[in-house]
Structure formats: structure tokens, C-alpha cells
């Protein structure tokens, strides 16, 4: 798990995250005109889920600060 030690860096990443909130709707506008919204929504959702799992299992399990991705998932599954 990566833990930011710098407050300005944390603020910068929060601003970047806010810009990405509407990214799925904006990318739908860039897609083919004939692509139905429902199909685009499912494709985008599955893609984001897979990317999150891949990044969580690789980057989320490195570093020395905090618990790694697998430990967090295990403790969340036990009802804590």
C-alpha cells in the first residue's frame, strides 16, 4: 500500500480524483455514435473492476506502510 507523506501531494491527488469522477460519461461521448449507453456502461464497469483488481493485487501489495490488499480483503470478509 502506498501512503503519501506529503500533504500537498495528497491534495493534488484529490483534485485529480475529482476530475475523474465523470470520466465514464465523458468517454461514452468519445465512443462510437451507435453504441448503446447500457452496453457502454457494462463494458466500462467491467473494465474498471478488472483494472482495480489487477492494480490492487500488484501495486496494492507492495510497500511497507499499512496492510496489503489481501489482508484488507480478508479482514473485510470477516465482518469487521
C-alpha atoms as a PDB file:
ATOM      1  CA  UNK A   1       0.000   0.000   0.000  1.00  0.00           C
ATOM      2  CA  UNK A   2       1.276   3.442  -0.877  1.00  0.00           C
ATOM      3  CA  UNK A   3       0.907   6.103   1.807  1.00  0.00           C
ATOM      4  CA  UNK A   4       1.570   9.701   0.843  1.00  0.00           C
ATOM      5  CA  UNK A   5       3.751  11.511   3.348  1.00  0.00           C
ATOM      6  CA  UNK A   6       3.284  14.953   1.822  1.00  0.00           C
ATOM      7  CA  UNK A   7       0.110  16.997   2.345  1.00  0.00           C
ATOM      8  CA  UNK A   8       0.452  18.944  -0.946  1.00  0.00           C
ATOM      9  CA  UNK A   9       0.818  15.670  -2.873  1.00  0.00           C
ATOM     10  CA  UNK A  10      -2.337  14.329  -1.186  1.00  0.00           C
ATOM     11  CA  UNK A  11      -4.270  17.448  -2.173  1.00  0.00           C
ATOM     12  CA  UNK A  12      -3.046  17.176  -5.766  1.00  0.00           C
ATOM     13  CA  UNK A  13      -4.214  13.550  -5.956  1.00  0.00           C
ATOM     14  CA  UNK A  14      -7.610  14.533  -4.502  1.00  0.00           C
ATOM     15  CA  UNK A  15      -8.018  17.147  -7.235  1.00  0.00           C
ATOM     16  CA  UNK A  16      -7.049  14.600  -9.903  1.00  0.00           C
ATOM     17  CA  UNK A  17      -9.642  12.214  -8.466  1.00  0.00           C
ATOM     18  CA  UNK A  18     -12.342  14.882  -8.663  1.00  0.00           C
ATOM     19  CA  UNK A  19     -11.576  15.390 -12.359  1.00  0.00           C
ATOM     20  CA  UNK A  20     -12.006  11.633 -12.935  1.00  0.00           C
ATOM     21  CA  UNK A  21     -15.451  11.379 -11.290  1.00  0.00           C
ATOM     22  CA  UNK A  22     -17.316  11.969 -14.546  1.00  0.00           C
ATOM     23  CA  UNK A  23     -14.878  10.122 -16.773  1.00  0.00           C
ATOM     24  CA  UNK A  24     -17.202   7.268 -17.734  1.00  0.00           C
ATOM     25  CA  UNK A  25     -19.875   9.611 -19.099  1.00  0.00           C
ATOM     26  CA  UNK A  26     -17.285  11.679 -20.960  1.00  0.00           C
ATOM     27  CA  UNK A  27     -15.665   8.620 -22.539  1.00  0.00           C
ATOM     28  CA  UNK A  28     -19.100   7.484 -23.742  1.00  0.00           C
ATOM     29  CA  UNK A  29     -19.314  10.702 -25.748  1.00  0.00           C
ATOM     30  CA  UNK A  30     -15.985   9.815 -27.392  1.00  0.00           C
ATOM     31  CA  UNK A  31     -17.114   6.289 -28.295  1.00  0.00           C
ATOM     32  CA  UNK A  32     -18.899   5.253 -31.472  1.00  0.00           C
ATOM     33  CA  UNK A  33     -22.187   7.056 -32.016  1.00  0.00           C
ATOM     34  CA  UNK A  34     -24.154   3.816 -32.476  1.00  0.00           C
ATOM     35  CA  UNK A  35     -23.028   2.254 -29.189  1.00  0.00           C
ATOM     36  CA  UNK A  36     -25.969   1.998 -26.811  1.00  0.00           C
ATOM     37  CA  UNK A  37     -25.438   3.579 -23.401  1.00  0.00           C
ATOM     38  CA  UNK A  38     -26.362   0.405 -21.495  1.00  0.00           C
ATOM     39  CA  UNK A  39     -23.748  -1.677 -23.318  1.00  0.00           C
ATOM     40  CA  UNK A  40     -21.104   1.004 -22.855  1.00  0.00           C
ATOM     41  CA  UNK A  41     -21.943   1.189 -19.146  1.00  0.00           C
ATOM     42  CA  UNK A  42     -21.443  -2.565 -18.673  1.00  0.00           C
ATOM     43  CA  UNK A  43     -18.215  -2.617 -20.691  1.00  0.00           C
ATOM     44  CA  UNK A  44     -16.820   0.344 -18.766  1.00  0.00           C
ATOM     45  CA  UNK A  45     -17.854  -1.081 -15.376  1.00  0.00           C
ATOM     46  CA  UNK A  46     -16.301  -4.490 -16.027  1.00  0.00           C
ATOM     47  CA  UNK A  47     -13.123  -2.839 -17.330  1.00  0.00           C
ATOM     48  CA  UNK A  48     -12.783  -0.624 -14.243  1.00  0.00           C
ATOM     49  CA  UNK A  49     -13.407  -3.611 -11.937  1.00  0.00           C
ATOM     50  CA  UNK A  50     -10.741  -5.713 -13.656  1.00  0.00           C
ATOM     51  CA  UNK A  51      -8.247  -2.842 -13.652  1.00  0.00           C
ATOM     52  CA  UNK A  52      -8.918  -2.225  -9.949  1.00  0.00           C
ATOM     53  CA  UNK A  53      -8.317  -5.885  -9.103  1.00  0.00           C
ATOM     54  CA  UNK A  54      -5.122  -6.006 -11.170  1.00  0.00           C
ATOM     55  CA  UNK A  55      -3.752  -2.818  -9.601  1.00  0.00           C
ATOM     56  CA  UNK A  56      -4.838  -3.915  -6.113  1.00  0.00           C
ATOM     57  CA  UNK A  57      -3.113  -7.280  -6.436  1.00  0.00           C
ATOM     58  CA  UNK A  58       0.091  -5.776  -7.843  1.00  0.00           C
ATOM     59  CA  UNK A  59       0.623  -2.213  -6.610  1.00  0.00           C
ATOM     60  CA  UNK A  60      -1.652  -2.616  -3.587  1.00  0.00           C
ATOM     61  CA  UNK A  61       0.526  -5.384  -2.213  1.00  0.00           C
ATOM     62  CA  UNK A  62       3.832  -3.521  -2.322  1.00  0.00           C
ATOM     63  CA  UNK A  63       5.367  -1.128   0.122  1.00  0.00           C
ATOM     64  CA  UNK A  64       5.878  -1.386   3.868  1.00  0.00           C
ATOM     65  CA  UNK A  65       3.257   1.029   5.223  1.00  0.00           C
ATOM     66  CA  UNK A  66      -0.156  -0.323   6.183  1.00  0.00           C
ATOM     67  CA  UNK A  67      -1.702  -3.681   5.358  1.00  0.00           C
ATOM     68  CA  UNK A  68      -1.561  -5.140   1.888  1.00  0.00           C
ATOM     69  CA  UNK A  69      -4.556  -5.700  -0.393  1.00  0.00           C
ATOM     70  CA  UNK A  70      -5.117  -9.361   0.507  1.00  0.00           C
ATOM     71  CA  UNK A  71      -5.138  -8.681   4.261  1.00  0.00           C
ATOM     72  CA  UNK A  72      -7.637  -5.873   3.828  1.00  0.00           C
ATOM     73  CA  UNK A  73      -9.940  -8.100   1.786  1.00  0.00           C
ATOM     74  CA  UNK A  74      -9.656 -10.908   4.334  1.00  0.00           C
ATOM     75  CA  UNK A  75     -10.499  -8.634   7.272  1.00  0.00           C
ATOM     76  CA  UNK A  76     -13.401  -7.065   5.363  1.00  0.00           C
ATOM     77  CA  UNK A  77     -14.839 -10.511   4.683  1.00  0.00           C
ATOM     78  CA  UNK A  78     -14.904 -11.451   8.357  1.00  0.00           C
ATOM     79  CA  UNK A  79     -17.464  -8.764   9.211  1.00  0.00           C
ATOM     80  CA  UNK A  80     -15.159  -6.174  10.849  1.00  0.00           C
END
